[in-house]
Amino acid sequence: MVNTDIMYHTKLWEKKRIVDETKEEIQNFYNMLEECRDTMLSKEEKVYKLQNCLNDHEDDILVFDMERICTQDIEVFCKTVILYIATGAKNKRQNNIAIINCSTQDFVSIVRIFAVCYDKNGMSDWMRWTQIYLCGKDTREEFLLSGNNVHTLLTRVEKLAFSRKIHPMCIQILRNILERKRSKDGRIYSLTGEEKEEFNYTPFDLVLKKEEKTIFENNVKTVLENDIQGLESGCKISPTHMRIGSKIHINMFYEAELLFYNNYYTSRFASLLFENLQKSLSEQEQSLTQTSHTNKVC
């Protein structure tokens, strides 16, 4: 069941700097990873050399592409990220990390390794300040690693899937891996204290792009094209016959109104609209005043 005690506040207007392979830092990281692959260094030594390639990033989004990381390097890569998270834990550094173009096997391998961040009772202080966004080659396959206990983590994942009306196939596999970290008596963790506070979800899908469009825009296009009567979330009615006015006849219709009842979609539509207006007005040297209510993804 979805635990509605956790509320989600998406910082749509908060600009994030993307640190990906176009930046020298990440390119040096990939080069070091390749250089370490054929050396006699231990895994621990490789991890420390790679961690030194990464700078301290408080509000930026670090982006790693699994198409640049070989299967044999996944363990070293993940342990490097874990060390990076651990070094910033004392200062409560907010970590935003995106791992894109994951295959099904990548999802399983990465989550299994990151599960070590949680102790035998399924608790982790490190992950309280961290969001790790996993995105598949099919961008509808998304998974978020965040939360100071396994129950909170799984609740966030399920809630985001529920709000998107898209339930990725990877979720059940990864749920099975993470649920093994529950306490020996099978206790389900209750939500108390900081766990009941609003969760400031970084809108990775609105910031990261694939083929010149944001991940969100690509996902919306897929939802629109899916058959409304199919098992997956969709809006398309075809074949059909409808009349617009007295002369126009159509054989295809999109019931997109369904998306506008969902705050997950409307808040992002508003963000994209604001961004386009801001860009258009800036070219005309005009300003735009922004006001908005808190966006809750419930």
C-alpha atoms as a PDB file:
ATOM      1  CA  MET A   1       0.000   0.000   0.000  1.00  0.00           C
ATOM      2  CA  VAL A   2       1.066   3.578  -0.639  1.00  0.00           C
ATOM      3  CA  ASN A   3       1.916   5.381   2.585  1.00  0.00           C
ATOM      4  CA  THR A   4       0.326   8.822   2.361  1.00  0.00           C
ATOM      5  CA  ASP A   5       2.121  10.120   5.464  1.00  0.00           C
ATOM      6  CA  ILE A   6       5.034  11.256   3.263  1.00  0.00           C
ATOM      7  CA  MET A   7       4.300  14.392   1.247  1.00  0.00           C
ATOM      8  CA  TYR A   8       6.351  15.321  -1.780  1.00  0.00           C
ATOM      9  CA  HIS A   9       7.373  18.860  -2.647  1.00  0.00           C
ATOM     10  CA  THR A  10       8.980  19.088  -6.070  1.00  0.00           C
ATOM     11  CA  LYS A  11      11.298  22.070  -6.460  1.00  0.00           C
ATOM     12  CA  LEU A  12      10.314  22.745 -10.053  1.00  0.00           C
ATOM     13  CA  TRP A  13      11.620  26.290 -10.145  1.00  0.00           C
ATOM     14  CA  GLU A  14      14.958  25.514  -8.549  1.00  0.00           C
ATOM     15  CA  LYS A  15      17.657  25.503 -11.203  1.00  0.00           C
ATOM     16  CA  LYS A  16      20.135  22.658 -11.043  1.00  0.00           C
ATOM     17  CA  ARG A  17      23.506  22.603 -12.780  1.00  0.00           C
ATOM     18  CA  ILE A  18      24.031  19.408 -14.764  1.00  0.00           C
ATOM     19  CA  VAL A  19      27.474  17.839 -14.341  1.00  0.00           C
ATOM     20  CA  ASP A  20      27.688  15.196 -17.066  1.00  0.00           C
ATOM     21  CA  GLU A  21      30.179  13.928 -19.655  1.00  0.00           C
ATOM     22  CA  THR A  22      30.243  17.347 -21.307  1.00  0.00           C
ATOM     23  CA  LYS A  23      32.101  18.581 -18.201  1.00  0.00           C
ATOM     24  CA  GLU A  24      35.798  17.859 -17.758  1.00  0.00           C
ATOM     25  CA  GLU A  25      35.263  16.401 -14.290  1.00  0.00           C
ATOM     26  CA  ILE A  26      33.026  13.539 -15.473  1.00  0.00           C
ATOM     27  CA  GLN A  27      35.140  12.950 -18.576  1.00  0.00           C
ATOM     28  CA  ASN A  28      38.198  12.577 -16.329  1.00  0.00           C
ATOM     29  CA  PHE A  29      36.189  10.130 -14.197  1.00  0.00           C
ATOM     30  CA  TYR A  30      35.438   7.921 -17.221  1.00  0.00           C
ATOM     31  CA  ASN A  31      39.061   8.089 -18.351  1.00  0.00           C
ATOM     32  CA  MET A  32      40.289   7.097 -14.886  1.00  0.00           C
ATOM     33  CA  LEU A  33      37.776   4.229 -14.770  1.00  0.00           C
ATOM     34  CA  GLU A  34      39.094   2.911 -18.072  1.00  0.00           C
ATOM     35  CA  GLU A  35      42.705   3.417 -16.971  1.00  0.00           C
ATOM     36  CA  CYS A  36      42.140   1.481 -13.730  1.00  0.00           C
ATOM     37  CA  ARG A  37      40.433  -1.422 -15.464  1.00  0.00           C
ATOM     38  CA  ASP A  38      43.595  -3.168 -16.628  1.00  0.00           C
ATOM     39  CA  THR A  39      45.832  -2.293 -13.686  1.00  0.00           C
ATOM     40  CA  MET A  40      46.884  -4.485 -10.773  1.00  0.00           C
ATOM     41  CA  LEU A  41      45.348  -2.092  -8.263  1.00  0.00           C
ATOM     42  CA  SER A  42      42.959  -3.504  -5.673  1.00  0.00           C
ATOM     43  CA  LYS A  43      39.287  -2.519  -5.837  1.00  0.00           C
ATOM     44  CA  GLU A  44      39.780  -0.304  -2.798  1.00  0.00           C
ATOM     45  CA  GLU A  45      42.667   1.561  -4.456  1.00  0.00           C
ATOM     46  CA  LYS A  46      40.619   2.032  -7.640  1.00  0.00           C
ATOM     47  CA  VAL A  47      37.699   3.427  -5.648  1.00  0.00           C
ATOM     48  CA  TYR A  48      39.876   6.034  -3.908  1.00  0.00           C
ATOM     49  CA  LYS A  49      41.508   7.119  -7.191  1.00  0.00           C
ATOM     50  CA  LEU A  50      38.091   7.530  -8.816  1.00  0.00           C
ATOM     51  CA  GLN A  51      36.610   9.348  -5.833  1.00  0.00           C
ATOM     52  CA  ASN A  52      39.380  11.939  -6.101  1.00  0.00           C
ATOM     53  CA  CYS A  53      38.080  12.802  -9.592  1.00  0.00           C
ATOM     54  CA  LEU A  54      34.804  14.063  -8.132  1.00  0.00           C
ATOM     55  CA  ASN A  55      34.419  17.516  -6.629  1.00  0.00           C
ATOM     56  CA  ASP A  56      32.078  18.474  -3.812  1.00  0.00           C
ATOM     57  CA  HIS A  57      28.633  19.220  -5.292  1.00  0.00           C
ATOM     58  CA  GLU A  58      25.879  20.504  -3.018  1.00  0.00           C
ATOM     59  CA  ASP A  59      23.007  21.361  -5.378  1.00  0.00           C
ATOM     60  CA  ASP A  60      24.285  20.092  -8.724  1.00  0.00           C
ATOM     61  CA  ILE A  61      23.139  16.887 -10.415  1.00  0.00           C
ATOM     62  CA  LEU A  62      25.946  14.436 -11.141  1.00  0.00           C
ATOM     63  CA  VAL A  63      25.048  12.393 -14.227  1.00  0.00           C
ATOM     64  CA  PHE A  64      26.655   9.052 -15.090  1.00  0.00           C
ATOM     65  CA  ASP A  65      25.865   7.164 -18.296  1.00  0.00           C
ATOM     66  CA  MET A  66      25.862   3.359 -18.052  1.00  0.00           C
ATOM     67  CA  GLU A  67      26.728   3.189 -21.746  1.00  0.00           C
ATOM     68  CA  ARG A  68      30.151   4.523 -20.702  1.00  0.00           C
ATOM     69  CA  ILE A  69      30.578   1.995 -17.888  1.00  0.00           C
ATOM     70  CA  CYS A  70      31.395  -1.663 -18.582  1.00  0.00           C
ATOM     71  CA  THR A  71      29.648  -4.465 -16.681  1.00  0.00           C
ATOM     72  CA  GLN A  72      32.937  -5.418 -15.020  1.00  0.00           C
ATOM     73  CA  ASP A  73      33.289  -1.853 -13.675  1.00  0.00           C
ATOM     74  CA  ILE A  74      29.833  -1.556 -12.080  1.00  0.00           C
ATOM     75  CA  GLU A  75      30.963  -2.650  -8.612  1.00  0.00           C
ATOM     76  CA  VAL A  76      33.899  -0.210  -8.529  1.00  0.00           C
ATOM     77  CA  PHE A  77      31.695   2.578  -9.911  1.00  0.00           C
ATOM     78  CA  CYS A  78      28.954   2.040  -7.313  1.00  0.00           C
ATOM     79  CA  LYS A  79      31.399   1.822  -4.420  1.00  0.00           C
ATOM     80  CA  THR A  80      32.993   5.071  -5.615  1.00  0.00           C
ATOM     81  CA  VAL A  81      29.594   6.783  -5.486  1.00  0.00           C
ATOM     82  CA  ILE A  82      28.970   5.300  -2.026  1.00  0.00           C
ATOM     83  CA  LEU A  83      32.312   6.700  -0.812  1.00  0.00           C
ATOM     84  CA  TYR A  84      31.425  10.080  -2.335  1.00  0.00           C
ATOM     85  CA  ILE A  85      28.118  10.049  -0.417  1.00  0.00           C
ATOM     86  CA  ALA A  86      29.812   8.970   2.815  1.00  0.00           C
ATOM     87  CA  THR A  87      32.414  11.771   2.671  1.00  0.00           C
ATOM     88  CA  GLY A  88      29.651  14.385   2.568  1.00  0.00           C
ATOM     89  CA  ALA A  89      27.451  12.765   5.232  1.00  0.00           C
ATOM     90  CA  LYS A  90      29.056  14.661   8.165  1.00  0.00           C
ATOM     91  CA  ASN A  91      28.131  18.000   6.591  1.00  0.00           C
ATOM     92  CA  LYS A  92      24.665  16.712   5.576  1.00  0.00           C
ATOM     93  CA  ARG A  93      25.520  17.432   1.957  1.00  0.00           C
ATOM     94  CA  GLN A  94      22.535  17.055  -0.368  1.00  0.00           C
ATOM     95  CA  ASN A  95      23.544  14.570  -3.064  1.00  0.00           C
ATOM     96  CA  ASN A  96      21.691  14.486  -6.397  1.00  0.00           C
ATOM     97  CA  ILE A  97      22.979  11.676  -8.600  1.00  0.00           C
ATOM     98  CA  ALA A  98      21.485  10.415 -11.872  1.00  0.00           C
ATOM     99  CA  ILE A  99      22.493   7.130 -13.506  1.00  0.00           C
ATOM    100  CA  ILE A 100      20.988   6.924 -16.993  1.00  0.00           C
ATOM    101  CA  ASN A 101      20.646   4.353 -19.816  1.00  0.00           C
ATOM    102  CA  CYS A 102      20.437   1.436 -17.388  1.00  0.00           C
ATOM    103  CA  SER A 103      19.672  -2.049 -18.689  1.00  0.00           C
ATOM    104  CA  THR A 104      17.549  -4.409 -16.586  1.00  0.00           C
ATOM    105  CA  GLN A 105      20.727  -6.089 -15.360  1.00  0.00           C
ATOM    106  CA  ASP A 106      22.230  -2.689 -14.507  1.00  0.00           C
ATOM    107  CA  PHE A 107      19.175  -1.871 -12.358  1.00  0.00           C
ATOM    108  CA  VAL A 108      19.556  -5.115 -10.420  1.00  0.00           C
ATOM    109  CA  SER A 109      23.342  -4.846 -10.002  1.00  0.00           C
ATOM    110  CA  ILE A 110      23.290  -1.204  -8.906  1.00  0.00           C
ATOM    111  CA  VAL A 111      20.469  -1.593  -6.376  1.00  0.00           C
ATOM    112  CA  ARG A 112      22.032  -4.765  -4.944  1.00  0.00           C
ATOM    113  CA  ILE A 113      25.311  -2.908  -4.340  1.00  0.00           C
ATOM    114  CA  PHE A 114      23.672   0.231  -2.934  1.00  0.00           C
ATOM    115  CA  ALA A 115      21.704  -1.980  -0.536  1.00  0.00           C
ATOM    116  CA  VAL A 116      24.933  -2.225   1.499  1.00  0.00           C
ATOM    117  CA  CYS A 117      24.301   1.413   2.529  1.00  0.00           C
ATOM    118  CA  TYR A 118      21.523   0.024   4.743  1.00  0.00           C
ATOM    119  CA  ASP A 119      22.441  -1.954   7.848  1.00  0.00           C
ATOM    120  CA  LYS A 120      20.910  -5.323   8.821  1.00  0.00           C
ATOM    121  CA  ASN A 121      17.898  -3.463  10.210  1.00  0.00           C
ATOM    122  CA  GLY A 122      17.402  -1.584   6.946  1.00  0.00           C
ATOM    123  CA  MET A 123      18.575   1.808   8.285  1.00  0.00           C
ATOM    124  CA  SER A 124      20.980   4.325   6.736  1.00  0.00           C
ATOM    125  CA  ASP A 125      21.752   7.914   7.778  1.00  0.00           C
ATOM    126  CA  TRP A 126      23.769   8.463   4.601  1.00  0.00           C
ATOM    127  CA  MET A 127      20.761   7.990   2.348  1.00  0.00           C
ATOM    128  CA  ARG A 128      18.696  10.569   4.242  1.00  0.00           C
ATOM    129  CA  TRP A 129      20.508  13.346   2.346  1.00  0.00           C
ATOM    130  CA  THR A 130      20.818  11.520  -0.978  1.00  0.00           C
ATOM    131  CA  GLN A 131      18.718  11.019  -4.103  1.00  0.00           C
ATOM    132  CA  ILE A 132      19.975   8.525  -6.672  1.00  0.00           C
ATOM    133  CA  TYR A 133      17.840   8.504  -9.800  1.00  0.00           C
ATOM    134  CA  LEU A 134      18.098   5.435 -12.026  1.00  0.00           C
ATOM    135  CA  CYS A 135      16.683   5.736 -15.540  1.00  0.00           C
ATOM    136  CA  GLY A 136      16.514   2.941 -18.092  1.00  0.00           C
ATOM    137  CA  LYS A 137      17.087   3.012 -21.826  1.00  0.00           C
ATOM    138  CA  ASP A 138      13.306   3.050 -21.898  1.00  0.00           C
ATOM    139  CA  THR A 139      12.864   6.292 -19.939  1.00  0.00           C
ATOM    140  CA  ARG A 140       9.612   5.060 -18.379  1.00  0.00           C
ATOM    141  CA  GLU A 141      11.750   2.680 -16.327  1.00  0.00           C
ATOM    142  CA  GLU A 142      12.699   4.896 -13.370  1.00  0.00           C
ATOM    143  CA  PHE A 143      13.744   4.103  -9.812  1.00  0.00           C
ATOM    144  CA  LEU A 144      14.670   6.440  -6.954  1.00  0.00           C
ATOM    145  CA  LEU A 145      17.060   5.434  -4.186  1.00  0.00           C
ATOM    146  CA  SER A 146      16.416   7.789  -1.271  1.00  0.00           C
ATOM    147  CA  GLY A 147      15.380   7.451   2.354  1.00  0.00           C
ATOM    148  CA  ASN A 148      16.958   6.663   5.708  1.00  0.00           C
ATOM    149  CA  ASN A 149      15.260   3.254   5.889  1.00  0.00           C
ATOM    150  CA  VAL A 150      14.136   0.646   3.373  1.00  0.00           C
ATOM    151  CA  HIS A 151      10.437   1.140   4.094  1.00  0.00           C
ATOM    152  CA  THR A 152      10.691   4.894   3.406  1.00  0.00           C
ATOM    153  CA  LEU A 153      12.652   4.209   0.214  1.00  0.00           C
ATOM    154  CA  LEU A 154      10.080   1.746  -1.143  1.00  0.00           C
ATOM    155  CA  THR A 155       7.193   4.032  -0.156  1.00  0.00           C
ATOM    156  CA  ARG A 156       8.731   6.901  -2.130  1.00  0.00           C
ATOM    157  CA  VAL A 157       9.264   4.689  -5.170  1.00  0.00           C
ATOM    158  CA  GLU A 158       5.699   3.377  -5.104  1.00  0.00           C
ATOM    159  CA  LYS A 159       4.253   6.842  -4.566  1.00  0.00           C
ATOM    160  CA  LEU A 160       6.120   8.357  -7.495  1.00  0.00           C
ATOM    161  CA  ALA A 161       5.042   5.438  -9.707  1.00  0.00           C
ATOM    162  CA  PHE A 162       1.444   5.946  -8.560  1.00  0.00           C
ATOM    163  CA  SER A 163       1.536   9.686  -9.303  1.00  0.00           C
ATOM    164  CA  ARG A 164       2.954   9.072 -12.797  1.00  0.00           C
ATOM    165  CA  LYS A 165       0.405   6.316 -13.482  1.00  0.00           C
ATOM    166  CA  ILE A 166       3.366   4.319 -14.784  1.00  0.00           C
ATOM    167  CA  HIS A 167       4.504   1.255 -12.853  1.00  0.00           C
ATOM    168  CA  PRO A 168       7.984   0.266 -14.112  1.00  0.00           C
ATOM    169  CA  MET A 169       8.676  -3.452 -14.494  1.00  0.00           C
ATOM    170  CA  CYS A 170      11.908  -3.034 -12.524  1.00  0.00           C
ATOM    171  CA  ILE A 171      10.121  -2.048  -9.298  1.00  0.00           C
ATOM    172  CA  GLN A 172       9.059  -5.533  -8.208  1.00  0.00           C
ATOM    173  CA  ILE A 173      12.524  -6.985  -8.855  1.00  0.00           C
ATOM    174  CA  LEU A 174      14.216  -4.214  -6.901  1.00  0.00           C
ATOM    175  CA  ARG A 175      11.606  -4.388  -4.123  1.00  0.00           C
ATOM    176  CA  ASN A 176      12.508  -8.067  -3.614  1.00  0.00           C
ATOM    177  CA  ILE A 177      16.189  -7.162  -3.260  1.00  0.00           C
ATOM    178  CA  LEU A 178      15.621  -4.326  -0.790  1.00  0.00           C
ATOM    179  CA  GLU A 179      13.038  -6.085   1.370  1.00  0.00           C
ATOM    180  CA  ARG A 180      15.682  -8.621   2.379  1.00  0.00           C
ATOM    181  CA  LYS A 181      17.197  -5.807   4.455  1.00  0.00           C
ATOM    182  CA  ARG A 182      14.242  -5.695   6.838  1.00  0.00           C
ATOM    183  CA  SER A 183      14.793  -6.582  10.470  1.00  0.00           C
ATOM    184  CA  LYS A 184      14.899 -10.253  11.483  1.00  0.00           C
ATOM    185  CA  ASP A 185      11.452 -10.109  13.062  1.00  0.00           C
ATOM    186  CA  GLY A 186       9.999  -8.830   9.762  1.00  0.00           C
ATOM    187  CA  ARG A 187       9.034  -5.517  11.345  1.00  0.00           C
ATOM    188  CA  ILE A 188       7.699  -2.873   8.957  1.00  0.00           C
ATOM    189  CA  TYR A 189       9.207   0.463   9.865  1.00  0.00           C
ATOM    190  CA  SER A 190       6.880   3.136  11.223  1.00  0.00           C
ATOM    191  CA  LEU A 191       7.305   6.726  10.101  1.00  0.00           C
ATOM    192  CA  THR A 192       8.310   9.061  12.897  1.00  0.00           C
ATOM    193  CA  GLY A 193      10.153  12.363  13.302  1.00  0.00           C
ATOM    194  CA  GLU A 194      12.046  13.527  10.231  1.00  0.00           C
ATOM    195  CA  GLU A 195      10.583  10.712   8.117  1.00  0.00           C
ATOM    196  CA  LYS A 196       7.199  12.446   8.198  1.00  0.00           C
ATOM    197  CA  GLU A 197       8.611  15.709   6.878  1.00  0.00           C
ATOM    198  CA  GLU A 198       8.117  16.801   3.275  1.00  0.00           C
ATOM    199  CA  PHE A 199      10.389  15.079   0.822  1.00  0.00           C
ATOM    200  CA  ASN A 200      11.988  17.596  -1.553  1.00  0.00           C
ATOM    201  CA  TYR A 201      12.087  15.522  -4.713  1.00  0.00           C
ATOM    202  CA  THR A 202      14.562  16.722  -7.339  1.00  0.00           C
ATOM    203  CA  PRO A 203      12.705  16.710 -10.700  1.00  0.00           C
ATOM    204  CA  PHE A 204      15.322  14.692 -12.567  1.00  0.00           C
ATOM    205  CA  ASP A 205      12.859  13.896 -15.371  1.00  0.00           C
ATOM    206  CA  LEU A 206      12.365  17.607 -16.030  1.00  0.00           C
ATOM    207  CA  VAL A 207      16.066  18.473 -15.974  1.00  0.00           C
ATOM    208  CA  LEU A 208      17.659  15.587 -17.885  1.00  0.00           C
ATOM    209  CA  LYS A 209      17.219  15.307 -21.646  1.00  0.00           C
ATOM    210  CA  LYS A 210      17.197  12.537 -24.215  1.00  0.00           C
ATOM    211  CA  GLU A 211      17.146  13.327 -27.934  1.00  0.00           C
ATOM    212  CA  GLU A 212      16.707  17.082 -27.325  1.00  0.00           C
ATOM    213  CA  LYS A 213      13.585  16.535 -25.179  1.00  0.00           C
ATOM    214  CA  THR A 214      13.336  16.162 -21.418  1.00  0.00           C
ATOM    215  CA  ILE A 215      12.690  12.674 -20.064  1.00  0.00           C
ATOM    216  CA  PHE A 216       9.307  13.966 -18.894  1.00  0.00           C
ATOM    217  CA  GLU A 217       8.337  15.145 -22.391  1.00  0.00           C
ATOM    218  CA  ASN A 218       9.351  11.792 -23.898  1.00  0.00           C
ATOM    219  CA  ASN A 219       7.289   9.947 -21.300  1.00  0.00           C
ATOM    220  CA  VAL A 220       4.236  12.155 -21.904  1.00  0.00           C
ATOM    221  CA  LYS A 221       4.469  11.457 -25.643  1.00  0.00           C
ATOM    222  CA  THR A 222       4.490   7.708 -24.925  1.00  0.00           C
ATOM    223  CA  VAL A 223       1.477   7.972 -22.593  1.00  0.00           C
ATOM    224  CA  LEU A 224      -0.441   9.973 -25.211  1.00  0.00           C
ATOM    225  CA  GLU A 225       0.267   7.370 -27.895  1.00  0.00           C
ATOM    226  CA  ASN A 226      -0.693   4.382 -25.721  1.00  0.00           C
ATOM    227  CA  ASP A 227      -4.160   2.890 -26.263  1.00  0.00           C
ATOM    228  CA  ILE A 228      -6.537   4.167 -23.580  1.00  0.00           C
ATOM    229  CA  GLN A 229      -7.963   0.636 -23.296  1.00  0.00           C
ATOM    230  CA  GLY A 230      -4.556  -1.013 -22.930  1.00  0.00           C
ATOM    231  CA  LEU A 231      -2.900  -2.252 -19.752  1.00  0.00           C
ATOM    232  CA  GLU A 232      -0.417   0.642 -19.718  1.00  0.00           C
ATOM    233  CA  SER A 233      -1.426   4.226 -18.997  1.00  0.00           C
ATOM    234  CA  GLY A 234      -2.647   5.804 -22.237  1.00  0.00           C
ATOM    235  CA  CYS A 235      -4.837   8.490 -23.818  1.00  0.00           C
ATOM    236  CA  LYS A 236      -5.261   7.439 -27.455  1.00  0.00           C
ATOM    237  CA  ILE A 237      -8.645   6.326 -28.809  1.00  0.00           C
ATOM    238  CA  SER A 238      -8.212   4.719 -32.232  1.00  0.00           C
ATOM    239  CA  PRO A 239      -9.782   3.660 -34.499  1.00  0.00           C
ATOM    240  CA  THR A 240     -12.914   5.675 -33.829  1.00  0.00           C
ATOM    241  CA  HIS A 241     -15.237   8.110 -35.533  1.00  0.00           C
ATOM    242  CA  MET A 242     -15.897  11.525 -34.059  1.00  0.00           C
ATOM    243  CA  ARG A 243     -17.204  14.770 -35.461  1.00  0.00           C
ATOM    244  CA  ILE A 244     -15.884  18.251 -34.691  1.00  0.00           C
ATOM    245  CA  GLY A 245     -18.556  20.757 -35.611  1.00  0.00           C
ATOM    246  CA  SER A 246     -20.645  19.842 -38.643  1.00  0.00           C
ATOM    247  CA  LYS A 247     -17.966  19.149 -41.265  1.00  0.00           C
ATOM    248  CA  ILE A 248     -14.805  17.785 -39.654  1.00  0.00           C
ATOM    249  CA  HIS A 249     -14.661  14.008 -39.060  1.00  0.00           C
ATOM    250  CA  ILE A 250     -11.762  12.318 -37.269  1.00  0.00           C
ATOM    251  CA  ASN A 251     -10.779   8.672 -36.761  1.00  0.00           C
ATOM    252  CA  MET A 252      -8.373   9.283 -33.851  1.00  0.00           C
ATOM    253  CA  PHE A 253      -8.776  11.107 -30.534  1.00  0.00           C
ATOM    254  CA  TYR A 254      -6.543  11.791 -27.503  1.00  0.00           C
ATOM    255  CA  GLU A 255      -8.268  11.938 -24.105  1.00  0.00           C
ATOM    256  CA  ALA A 256      -5.417  14.088 -22.702  1.00  0.00           C
ATOM    257  CA  GLU A 257      -7.753  15.566 -20.101  1.00  0.00           C
ATOM    258  CA  LEU A 258      -6.754  12.577 -17.949  1.00  0.00           C
ATOM    259  CA  LEU A 259      -3.288  14.074 -17.496  1.00  0.00           C
ATOM    260  CA  PHE A 260      -4.611  17.437 -16.332  1.00  0.00           C
ATOM    261  CA  TYR A 261      -6.299  15.877 -13.309  1.00  0.00           C
ATOM    262  CA  ASN A 262      -2.884  14.703 -12.101  1.00  0.00           C
ATOM    263  CA  ASN A 263      -0.716  17.222 -10.251  1.00  0.00           C
ATOM    264  CA  TYR A 264       2.450  15.353 -11.222  1.00  0.00           C
ATOM    265  CA  TYR A 265       1.791  16.289 -14.847  1.00  0.00           C
ATOM    266  CA  THR A 266       0.199  19.739 -14.411  1.00  0.00           C
ATOM    267  CA  SER A 267       3.048  21.060 -12.259  1.00  0.00           C
ATOM    268  CA  ARG A 268       5.563  19.999 -14.906  1.00  0.00           C
ATOM    269  CA  PHE A 269       3.461  21.410 -17.747  1.00  0.00           C
ATOM    270  CA  ALA A 270       3.450  24.714 -15.828  1.00  0.00           C
ATOM    271  CA  SER A 271       7.221  24.561 -15.421  1.00  0.00           C
ATOM    272  CA  LEU A 272       7.819  23.963 -19.138  1.00  0.00           C
ATOM    273  CA  LEU A 273       5.375  26.739 -20.044  1.00  0.00           C
ATOM    274  CA  PHE A 274       7.090  29.155 -17.659  1.00  0.00           C
ATOM    275  CA  GLU A 275      10.502  28.273 -19.082  1.00  0.00           C
ATOM    276  CA  ASN A 276       9.332  28.882 -22.667  1.00  0.00           C
ATOM    277  CA  LEU A 277       7.678  32.181 -21.744  1.00  0.00           C
ATOM    278  CA  GLN A 278      10.766  33.307 -19.864  1.00  0.00           C
ATOM    279  CA  LYS A 279      12.989  32.508 -22.855  1.00  0.00           C
ATOM    280  CA  SER A 280      10.652  34.282 -25.285  1.00  0.00           C
ATOM    281  CA  LEU A 281      10.340  37.411 -23.127  1.00  0.00           C
ATOM    282  CA  SER A 282      14.067  37.600 -22.404  1.00  0.00           C
ATOM    283  CA  GLU A 283      14.689  37.919 -26.151  1.00  0.00           C
ATOM    284  CA  GLN A 284      12.367  40.923 -26.118  1.00  0.00           C
ATOM    285  CA  GLU A 285      14.050  42.287 -22.979  1.00  0.00           C
ATOM    286  CA  GLN A 286      10.880  41.910 -20.936  1.00  0.00           C
ATOM    287  CA  SER A 287      10.639  40.419 -17.483  1.00  0.00           C
ATOM    288  CA  LEU A 288       8.296  37.746 -16.128  1.00  0.00           C
ATOM    289  CA  THR A 289       7.114  37.573 -12.525  1.00  0.00           C
ATOM    290  CA  GLN A 290       6.671  34.052 -11.206  1.00  0.00           C
ATOM    291  CA  THR A 291       4.163  33.076  -8.529  1.00  0.00           C
ATOM    292  CA  SER A 292       3.081  29.576  -7.621  1.00  0.00           C
ATOM    293  CA  HIS A 293       1.496  27.503  -4.905  1.00  0.00           C
ATOM    294  CA  THR A 294       3.372  24.607  -3.327  1.00  0.00           C
ATOM    295  CA  ASN A 295       3.189  21.628  -5.648  1.00  0.00           C
ATOM    296  CA  LYS A 296       2.296  18.425  -3.863  1.00  0.00           C
ATOM    297  CA  VAL A 297       2.734  15.080  -5.530  1.00  0.00           C
ATOM    298  CA  CYS A 298       0.331  13.004  -3.464  1.00  0.00           C
END
